[in-house]
C-alpha atoms as a PDB file:
ATOM      1  CA  MET A   1       0.000   0.000   0.000  1.00  0.00           C
ATOM      2  CA  ASP A   2       1.468   3.367  -0.926  1.00  0.00           C
ATOM      3  CA  ALA A   3       1.622   6.416   1.348  1.00  0.00           C
ATOM      4  CA  ILE A   4      -1.429   8.181  -0.119  1.00  0.00           C
ATOM      5  CA  ASP A   5      -3.584   5.079   0.356  1.00  0.00           C
ATOM      6  CA  GLN A   6      -2.382   4.742   3.953  1.00  0.00           C
ATOM      7  CA  LEU A   7      -3.185   8.412   4.559  1.00  0.00           C
ATOM      8  CA  LYS A   8      -6.674   7.934   3.127  1.00  0.00           C
ATOM      9  CA  LEU A   9      -7.294   5.186   5.675  1.00  0.00           C
ATOM     10  CA  MET A  10      -5.819   7.178   8.554  1.00  0.00           C
ATOM     11  CA  THR A  11      -8.022  10.192   7.857  1.00  0.00           C
ATOM     12  CA  ALA A  12     -11.348   8.717   6.747  1.00  0.00           C
ATOM     13  CA  TRP A  13     -10.772  11.116   3.874  1.00  0.00           C
ATOM     14  CA  ASP A  14     -14.074  10.599   2.071  1.00  0.00           C
ATOM     15  CA  THR A  15     -16.228  10.832   5.214  1.00  0.00           C
ATOM     16  CA  GLU A  16     -17.712  14.262   5.914  1.00  0.00           C
ATOM     17  CA  PRO A  17     -16.119  16.626   6.395  1.00  0.00           C
ATOM     18  CA  ALA A  18     -14.352  15.139   3.400  1.00  0.00           C
ATOM     19  CA  LEU A  19     -10.904  15.906   2.058  1.00  0.00           C
ATOM     20  CA  THR A  20      -9.885  16.150  -1.566  1.00  0.00           C
ATOM     21  CA  LEU A  21      -7.109  14.101  -3.092  1.00  0.00           C
ATOM     22  CA  GLY A  22      -5.200  17.351  -3.666  1.00  0.00           C
ATOM     23  CA  GLU A  23      -5.399  18.206   0.036  1.00  0.00           C
ATOM     24  CA  LEU A  24      -4.080  14.778   0.963  1.00  0.00           C
ATOM     25  CA  GLU A  25      -1.237  15.158  -1.520  1.00  0.00           C
ATOM     26  CA  ASN A  26      -0.387  18.580  -0.057  1.00  0.00           C
ATOM     27  CA  VAL A  27      -0.250  17.406   3.576  1.00  0.00           C
ATOM     28  CA  LEU A  28       1.742  14.347   2.509  1.00  0.00           C
ATOM     29  CA  SER A  29       4.223  16.512   0.634  1.00  0.00           C
ATOM     30  CA  ALA A  30       4.591  18.782   3.668  1.00  0.00           C
ATOM     31  CA  ALA A  31       5.399  15.693   5.768  1.00  0.00           C
ATOM     32  CA  SER A  32       8.284  14.582   3.525  1.00  0.00           C
ATOM     33  CA  LEU A  33      11.402  13.366   5.311  1.00  0.00           C
ATOM     34  CA  ASP A  34      14.975  12.627   4.309  1.00  0.00           C
ATOM     35  CA  ASP A  35      15.157   8.987   3.244  1.00  0.00           C
ATOM     36  CA  SER A  36      17.300   6.298   4.864  1.00  0.00           C
ATOM     37  CA  GLY A  37      20.158   7.166   2.500  1.00  0.00           C
ATOM     38  CA  GLY A  38      20.179  10.765   3.711  1.00  0.00           C
ATOM     39  CA  HIS A  39      18.626  12.121   0.521  1.00  0.00           C
ATOM     40  CA  ALA A  40      16.387  15.167   0.963  1.00  0.00           C
ATOM     41  CA  PRO A  41      12.990  15.275  -0.774  1.00  0.00           C
ATOM     42  CA  ALA A  42      14.415  17.724  -3.352  1.00  0.00           C
ATOM     43  CA  ASP A  43      17.192  15.282  -4.358  1.00  0.00           C
ATOM     44  CA  ASP A  44      16.821  13.212  -7.517  1.00  0.00           C
ATOM     45  CA  ASP A  45      17.785  10.037  -5.628  1.00  0.00           C
ATOM     46  CA  TRP A  46      15.191  10.557  -2.859  1.00  0.00           C
ATOM     47  CA  GLU A  47      13.090   7.536  -2.001  1.00  0.00           C
ATOM     48  CA  PRO A  48       9.628   8.768  -0.949  1.00  0.00           C
ATOM     49  CA  THR A  49       9.658   8.872   2.848  1.00  0.00           C
ATOM     50  CA  TYR A  50       6.994  10.555   4.964  1.00  0.00           C
ATOM     51  CA  ASP A  51       5.938  11.179   8.521  1.00  0.00           C
ATOM     52  CA  LEU A  52       2.443   9.773   8.023  1.00  0.00           C
ATOM     53  CA  ASP A  53       1.406  10.715  11.559  1.00  0.00           C
ATOM     54  CA  ALA A  54       2.252  14.374  10.878  1.00  0.00           C
ATOM     55  CA  ALA A  55       0.346  14.251   7.599  1.00  0.00           C
ATOM     56  CA  ALA A  56      -2.675  12.656   9.272  1.00  0.00           C
ATOM     57  CA  ALA A  57      -2.644  15.254  12.061  1.00  0.00           C
ATOM     58  CA  ALA A  58      -2.631  18.063   9.471  1.00  0.00           C
ATOM     59  CA  ALA A  59      -5.441  16.410   7.513  1.00  0.00           C
ATOM     60  CA  TRP A  60      -7.596  16.020  10.626  1.00  0.00           C
ATOM     61  CA  LEU A  61      -7.084  19.715  11.393  1.00  0.00           C
ATOM     62  CA  ILE A  62      -8.426  20.560   7.927  1.00  0.00           C
ATOM     63  CA  LYS A  63     -11.453  18.398   8.668  1.00  0.00           C
ATOM     64  CA  ALA A  64     -11.877  20.164  12.040  1.00  0.00           C
ATOM     65  CA  ALA A  65     -11.787  23.556  10.333  1.00  0.00           C
ATOM     66  CA  ARG A  66     -14.512  22.433   7.939  1.00  0.00           C
ATOM     67  CA  ALA A  67     -16.645  21.220  10.833  1.00  0.00           C
ATOM     68  CA  ALA A  68     -16.115  24.483  12.712  1.00  0.00           C
ATOM     69  CA  ALA A  69     -17.325  26.442   9.703  1.00  0.00           C
ATOM     70  CA  THR A  70     -20.682  24.651   9.586  1.00  0.00           C
ATOM     71  CA  VAL A  71     -23.780  25.468  11.561  1.00  0.00           C
ATOM     72  CA  ASP A  72     -25.692  22.947  13.633  1.00  0.00           C
ATOM     73  CA  GLU A  73     -29.021  22.183  12.012  1.00  0.00           C
ATOM     74  CA  PRO A  74     -31.582  21.019  14.585  1.00  0.00           C
ATOM     75  CA  THR A  75     -33.084  18.612  12.062  1.00  0.00           C
ATOM     76  CA  ALA A  76     -29.798  17.241  10.757  1.00  0.00           C
ATOM     77  CA  GLY A  77     -29.408  14.563  13.416  1.00  0.00           C
ATOM     78  CA  VAL A  78     -25.665  15.224  13.682  1.00  0.00           C
ATOM     79  CA  VAL A  79     -24.209  17.741  16.086  1.00  0.00           C
ATOM     80  CA  THR A  80     -21.424  19.623  14.319  1.00  0.00           C
ATOM     81  CA  SER A  81     -19.631  20.409  17.569  1.00  0.00           C
ATOM     82  CA  LYS A  82     -19.207  16.676  18.205  1.00  0.00           C
ATOM     83  CA  ILE A  83     -17.713  16.226  14.729  1.00  0.00           C
ATOM     84  CA  PHE A  84     -15.368  19.158  15.405  1.00  0.00           C
ATOM     85  CA  ASP A  85     -14.351  17.643  18.759  1.00  0.00           C
ATOM     86  CA  ASN A  86     -13.718  14.247  17.167  1.00  0.00           C
ATOM     87  CA  CYS A  87     -11.575  15.758  14.394  1.00  0.00           C
ATOM     88  CA  ARG A  88      -9.505  17.648  16.965  1.00  0.00           C
ATOM     89  CA  LYS A  89      -9.055  14.488  19.040  1.00  0.00           C
ATOM     90  CA  MET A  90      -7.882  12.573  15.986  1.00  0.00           C
ATOM     91  CA  ALA A  91      -5.452  15.384  15.092  1.00  0.00           C
ATOM     92  CA  ALA A  92      -4.063  15.341  18.646  1.00  0.00           C
ATOM     93  CA  SER A  93      -3.765  11.564  18.615  1.00  0.00           C
ATOM     94  CA  TYR A  94      -1.700  11.543  15.419  1.00  0.00           C
ATOM     95  CA  SER A  95       0.290  14.579  16.499  1.00  0.00           C
ATOM     96  CA  ASN A  96       1.332  12.772  19.680  1.00  0.00           C
ATOM     97  CA  ARG A  97       2.686   9.874  17.596  1.00  0.00           C
ATOM     98  CA  ARG A  98       4.681  12.027  15.164  1.00  0.00           C
ATOM     99  CA  ASN A  99       8.120  10.981  14.033  1.00  0.00           C
ATOM    100  CA  THR A 100      10.912  12.760  15.825  1.00  0.00           C
ATOM    101  CA  THR A 101      14.350  13.099  14.336  1.00  0.00           C
ATOM    102  CA  VAL A 102      17.445  13.521  16.473  1.00  0.00           C
ATOM    103  CA  LEU A 103      20.812  14.412  15.020  1.00  0.00           C
ATOM    104  CA  VAL A 104      23.573  12.509  16.767  1.00  0.00           C
ATOM    105  CA  ARG A 105      27.175  13.608  16.298  1.00  0.00           C
END
């Protein structure tokens, strides 16, 4: 499974508030890491390497922003504030698991 497919699963991307494929690609790109050979994402020899937890946290924050921008409809059956809270909890959960890099000399 490639990174974008993993990110789709981690973010429930097509569940409202939904994300676009472009948004997923953007957060994945922002979470690029140097590969195991020390190649930076801008290098021609870079092997795609990502901090998927960081990308998922960013994606869940986008979903939270979408939920915050909606208004609760009494007849909708879904309370927007609960969706917002859930998105924020998911963002925090992935943020707490983020990859940390330590330079050792």
